[in-house]
């Protein structure tokens, strides 16, 4: 009497049952759901740190541009972006800009836009604090009168 199975298929060659497949998928979904908040927080931390580092780089770029071209440059925060502006014919014109990440906000703005002179100095010395309210973290970028930029 035949059991209905192909005698050529051994026990090792059989596939998984639907129940085994659903259990494996359920475990994967539970693991994904529990790790999602951690991944989101890590991404928000990365974006905030990246924006702060880009702001530091933009400050250094403004200083180098001012020295090399013998023209004053300044950085201006315009809502959700930072603009690099060049002094030309008595007025500042935007020569470059970078947007901040969507979750990054300016927590404490500069007292005035920092102006980088052709001698490499900055007037006034300023600090700006970027924040990400989703993760309650802040990064502060400071520029000294000598043009030294630090990230805290």
C-alpha atoms as a PDB file:
ATOM      1  CA  UNK A   1       0.000   0.000   0.000  1.00  0.00           C
ATOM      2  CA  UNK A   2       1.359   3.448  -0.983  1.00  0.00           C
ATOM      3  CA  UNK A   3       1.516   6.366   1.438  1.00  0.00           C
ATOM      4  CA  UNK A   4       1.025   8.960  -1.343  1.00  0.00           C
ATOM      5  CA  UNK A   5       4.616  10.218  -1.246  1.00  0.00           C
ATOM      6  CA  UNK A   6       7.162   9.935  -3.973  1.00  0.00           C
ATOM      7  CA  UNK A   7       9.648   7.288  -2.836  1.00  0.00           C
ATOM      8  CA  UNK A   8      12.518   9.211  -4.450  1.00  0.00           C
ATOM      9  CA  UNK A   9      12.097  12.217  -2.075  1.00  0.00           C
ATOM     10  CA  UNK A  10      13.849  11.590   1.203  1.00  0.00           C
ATOM     11  CA  UNK A  11      13.116  13.260   4.528  1.00  0.00           C
ATOM     12  CA  UNK A  12      16.059  15.703   4.013  1.00  0.00           C
ATOM     13  CA  UNK A  13      14.690  16.882   0.675  1.00  0.00           C
ATOM     14  CA  UNK A  14      11.286  17.938   1.989  1.00  0.00           C
ATOM     15  CA  UNK A  15      10.494  21.684   2.108  1.00  0.00           C
ATOM     16  CA  UNK A  16       9.171  23.718   4.999  1.00  0.00           C
ATOM     17  CA  UNK A  17       5.534  23.642   5.963  1.00  0.00           C
ATOM     18  CA  UNK A  18       3.370  26.762   5.907  1.00  0.00           C
ATOM     19  CA  UNK A  19       3.299  26.847   9.724  1.00  0.00           C
ATOM     20  CA  UNK A  20       7.114  26.793   9.929  1.00  0.00           C
ATOM     21  CA  UNK A  21       7.329  29.566   7.358  1.00  0.00           C
ATOM     22  CA  UNK A  22       4.781  31.742   9.219  1.00  0.00           C
ATOM     23  CA  UNK A  23       6.615  31.240  12.529  1.00  0.00           C
ATOM     24  CA  UNK A  24       9.887  32.357  10.935  1.00  0.00           C
ATOM     25  CA  UNK A  25       8.236  35.437   9.400  1.00  0.00           C
ATOM     26  CA  UNK A  26       6.587  36.298  12.743  1.00  0.00           C
ATOM     27  CA  UNK A  27       9.931  36.153  14.544  1.00  0.00           C
ATOM     28  CA  UNK A  28      11.511  38.402  11.897  1.00  0.00           C
ATOM     29  CA  UNK A  29       8.663  40.924  12.213  1.00  0.00           C
ATOM     30  CA  UNK A  30       8.949  41.056  16.017  1.00  0.00           C
ATOM     31  CA  UNK A  31      12.706  41.618  15.811  1.00  0.00           C
ATOM     32  CA  UNK A  32      12.229  44.368  13.216  1.00  0.00           C
ATOM     33  CA  UNK A  33       9.557  46.116  15.282  1.00  0.00           C
ATOM     34  CA  UNK A  34      11.678  46.118  18.428  1.00  0.00           C
ATOM     35  CA  UNK A  35      14.774  47.478  16.651  1.00  0.00           C
ATOM     36  CA  UNK A  36      12.994  50.276  14.723  1.00  0.00           C
ATOM     37  CA  UNK A  37      13.149  52.902  17.537  1.00  0.00           C
ATOM     38  CA  UNK A  38      16.874  52.304  17.988  1.00  0.00           C
ATOM     39  CA  UNK A  39      17.536  52.635  14.264  1.00  0.00           C
ATOM     40  CA  UNK A  40      15.466  55.841  14.102  1.00  0.00           C
ATOM     41  CA  UNK A  41      17.317  57.391  17.045  1.00  0.00           C
ATOM     42  CA  UNK A  42      20.668  56.441  15.533  1.00  0.00           C
ATOM     43  CA  UNK A  43      19.732  58.020  12.191  1.00  0.00           C
ATOM     44  CA  UNK A  44      18.565  61.241  13.889  1.00  0.00           C
ATOM     45  CA  UNK A  45      21.807  61.402  15.898  1.00  0.00           C
ATOM     46  CA  UNK A  46      23.812  60.851  12.719  1.00  0.00           C
ATOM     47  CA  UNK A  47      21.899  63.587  10.840  1.00  0.00           C
ATOM     48  CA  UNK A  48      22.409  66.132  13.638  1.00  0.00           C
ATOM     49  CA  UNK A  49      26.123  65.372  13.895  1.00  0.00           C
ATOM     50  CA  UNK A  50      26.434  65.504  10.101  1.00  0.00           C
ATOM     51  CA  UNK A  51      24.755  68.938   9.956  1.00  0.00           C
ATOM     52  CA  UNK A  52      27.062  70.248  12.685  1.00  0.00           C
ATOM     53  CA  UNK A  53      30.138  68.934  10.866  1.00  0.00           C
ATOM     54  CA  UNK A  54      28.972  70.445   7.589  1.00  0.00           C
ATOM     55  CA  UNK A  55      28.509  73.776   9.365  1.00  0.00           C
ATOM     56  CA  UNK A  56      32.070  73.547  10.740  1.00  0.00           C
ATOM     57  CA  UNK A  57      33.346  72.777   7.241  1.00  0.00           C
ATOM     58  CA  UNK A  58      31.364  75.702   5.827  1.00  0.00           C
ATOM     59  CA  UNK A  59      32.903  78.055   8.438  1.00  0.00           C
ATOM     60  CA  UNK A  60      36.388  76.868   7.515  1.00  0.00           C
ATOM     61  CA  UNK A  61      35.549  77.199   3.827  1.00  0.00           C
ATOM     62  CA  UNK A  62      34.341  80.778   4.330  1.00  0.00           C
ATOM     63  CA  UNK A  63      37.585  81.652   6.120  1.00  0.00           C
ATOM     64  CA  UNK A  64      39.747  80.065   3.408  1.00  0.00           C
ATOM     65  CA  UNK A  65      37.747  81.761   0.637  1.00  0.00           C
ATOM     66  CA  UNK A  66      38.095  85.141   2.346  1.00  0.00           C
ATOM     67  CA  UNK A  67      41.860  84.743   2.732  1.00  0.00           C
ATOM     68  CA  UNK A  68      42.489  83.434  -0.781  1.00  0.00           C
ATOM     69  CA  UNK A  69      40.294  85.956  -2.610  1.00  0.00           C
ATOM     70  CA  UNK A  70      41.001  88.959  -0.328  1.00  0.00           C
ATOM     71  CA  UNK A  71      37.250  89.538   0.033  1.00  0.00           C
ATOM     72  CA  UNK A  72      35.002  89.243   3.093  1.00  0.00           C
ATOM     73  CA  UNK A  73      32.640  86.277   3.355  1.00  0.00           C
ATOM     74  CA  UNK A  74      29.899  85.579   5.848  1.00  0.00           C
ATOM     75  CA  UNK A  75      27.594  82.733   6.820  1.00  0.00           C
ATOM     76  CA  UNK A  76      23.891  83.413   7.060  1.00  0.00           C
ATOM     77  CA  UNK A  77      21.269  81.046   8.486  1.00  0.00           C
ATOM     78  CA  UNK A  78      18.189  81.314   6.322  1.00  0.00           C
ATOM     79  CA  UNK A  79      15.441  79.236   7.899  1.00  0.00           C
ATOM     80  CA  UNK A  80      16.418  75.644   7.212  1.00  0.00           C
ATOM     81  CA  UNK A  81      19.620  76.298   5.264  1.00  0.00           C
ATOM     82  CA  UNK A  82      23.028  77.909   5.734  1.00  0.00           C
ATOM     83  CA  UNK A  83      24.230  80.291   3.037  1.00  0.00           C
ATOM     84  CA  UNK A  84      27.788  81.281   2.191  1.00  0.00           C
ATOM     85  CA  UNK A  85      27.738  84.917   1.083  1.00  0.00           C
ATOM     86  CA  UNK A  86      30.445  87.008  -0.558  1.00  0.00           C
ATOM     87  CA  UNK A  87      30.851  90.784  -0.177  1.00  0.00           C
ATOM     88  CA  UNK A  88      30.576  92.262  -3.640  1.00  0.00           C
ATOM     89  CA  UNK A  89      29.994  95.951  -4.457  1.00  0.00           C
ATOM     90  CA  UNK A  90      29.046  96.706  -0.865  1.00  0.00           C
ATOM     91  CA  UNK A  91      26.397  93.960  -0.579  1.00  0.00           C
ATOM     92  CA  UNK A  92      26.487  90.261   0.225  1.00  0.00           C
ATOM     93  CA  UNK A  93      25.472  87.804  -2.467  1.00  0.00           C
ATOM     94  CA  UNK A  94      24.917  84.095  -1.922  1.00  0.00           C
ATOM     95  CA  UNK A  95      27.564  81.907  -3.550  1.00  0.00           C
ATOM     96  CA  UNK A  96      26.669  78.602  -1.925  1.00  0.00           C
ATOM     97  CA  UNK A  97      24.182  77.013   0.410  1.00  0.00           C
ATOM     98  CA  UNK A  98      23.413  73.731   2.119  1.00  0.00           C
ATOM     99  CA  UNK A  99      20.128  72.621   3.667  1.00  0.00           C
ATOM    100  CA  UNK A 100      19.833  71.306   7.203  1.00  0.00           C
ATOM    101  CA  UNK A 101      18.283  67.882   7.728  1.00  0.00           C
ATOM    102  CA  UNK A 102      14.499  67.975   8.198  1.00  0.00           C
ATOM    103  CA  UNK A 103      14.650  67.120  11.918  1.00  0.00           C
ATOM    104  CA  UNK A 104      17.499  69.579  12.648  1.00  0.00           C
ATOM    105  CA  UNK A 105      16.581  73.026  13.925  1.00  0.00           C
ATOM    106  CA  UNK A 106      18.562  76.059  15.009  1.00  0.00           C
ATOM    107  CA  UNK A 107      18.178  76.023  18.793  1.00  0.00           C
ATOM    108  CA  UNK A 108      20.285  79.115  19.493  1.00  0.00           C
ATOM    109  CA  UNK A 109      21.120  81.363  16.563  1.00  0.00           C
ATOM    110  CA  UNK A 110      24.195  83.524  16.093  1.00  0.00           C
ATOM    111  CA  UNK A 111      24.040  86.943  17.714  1.00  0.00           C
ATOM    112  CA  UNK A 112      25.077  88.257  14.275  1.00  0.00           C
ATOM    113  CA  UNK A 113      26.256  86.641  11.069  1.00  0.00           C
ATOM    114  CA  UNK A 114      29.978  85.877  11.349  1.00  0.00           C
ATOM    115  CA  UNK A 115      32.017  87.861   8.831  1.00  0.00           C
ATOM    116  CA  UNK A 116      35.316  86.279   7.790  1.00  0.00           C
ATOM    117  CA  UNK A 117      37.863  88.923   6.782  1.00  0.00           C
ATOM    118  CA  UNK A 118      40.701  88.577   4.288  1.00  0.00           C
ATOM    119  CA  UNK A 119      43.122  88.382   7.247  1.00  0.00           C
ATOM    120  CA  UNK A 120      41.390  85.238   8.511  1.00  0.00           C
ATOM    121  CA  UNK A 121      39.721  86.840  11.495  1.00  0.00           C
ATOM    122  CA  UNK A 122      36.023  86.740  12.345  1.00  0.00           C
ATOM    123  CA  UNK A 123      33.809  89.521  13.573  1.00  0.00           C
ATOM    124  CA  UNK A 124      31.965  88.874  15.842  1.00  0.00           C
ATOM    125  CA  UNK A 125      32.971  85.672  17.626  1.00  0.00           C
ATOM    126  CA  UNK A 126      29.812  83.567  17.574  1.00  0.00           C
ATOM    127  CA  UNK A 127      28.204  80.291  18.564  1.00  0.00           C
ATOM    128  CA  UNK A 128      25.233  78.493  17.068  1.00  0.00           C
ATOM    129  CA  UNK A 129      23.449  75.486  18.539  1.00  0.00           C
ATOM    130  CA  UNK A 130      21.747  72.947  16.329  1.00  0.00           C
ATOM    131  CA  UNK A 131      19.159  70.666  17.916  1.00  0.00           C
ATOM    132  CA  UNK A 132      17.133  67.611  17.109  1.00  0.00           C
ATOM    133  CA  UNK A 133      14.028  67.659  19.297  1.00  0.00           C
ATOM    134  CA  UNK A 134      13.107  64.084  18.400  1.00  0.00           C
ATOM    135  CA  UNK A 135      16.115  62.790  20.336  1.00  0.00           C
ATOM    136  CA  UNK A 136      16.713  65.770  22.667  1.00  0.00           C
ATOM    137  CA  UNK A 137      20.308  66.305  21.528  1.00  0.00           C
ATOM    138  CA  UNK A 138      22.216  69.475  20.677  1.00  0.00           C
ATOM    139  CA  UNK A 139      25.519  70.321  19.017  1.00  0.00           C
ATOM    140  CA  UNK A 140      27.169  73.734  19.322  1.00  0.00           C
ATOM    141  CA  UNK A 141      29.493  75.211  16.718  1.00  0.00           C
ATOM    142  CA  UNK A 142      31.683  78.077  17.957  1.00  0.00           C
ATOM    143  CA  UNK A 143      33.838  80.442  15.913  1.00  0.00           C
ATOM    144  CA  UNK A 144      36.513  82.486  17.709  1.00  0.00           C
ATOM    145  CA  UNK A 145      37.740  85.936  16.674  1.00  0.00           C
ATOM    146  CA  UNK A 146      40.855  84.255  15.263  1.00  0.00           C
ATOM    147  CA  UNK A 147      38.695  82.084  13.001  1.00  0.00           C
ATOM    148  CA  UNK A 148      39.130  78.872  14.975  1.00  0.00           C
ATOM    149  CA  UNK A 149      36.040  76.673  14.612  1.00  0.00           C
ATOM    150  CA  UNK A 150      35.105  74.118  17.270  1.00  0.00           C
ATOM    151  CA  UNK A 151      32.304  71.587  17.550  1.00  0.00           C
ATOM    152  CA  UNK A 152      30.947  70.731  20.988  1.00  0.00           C
END
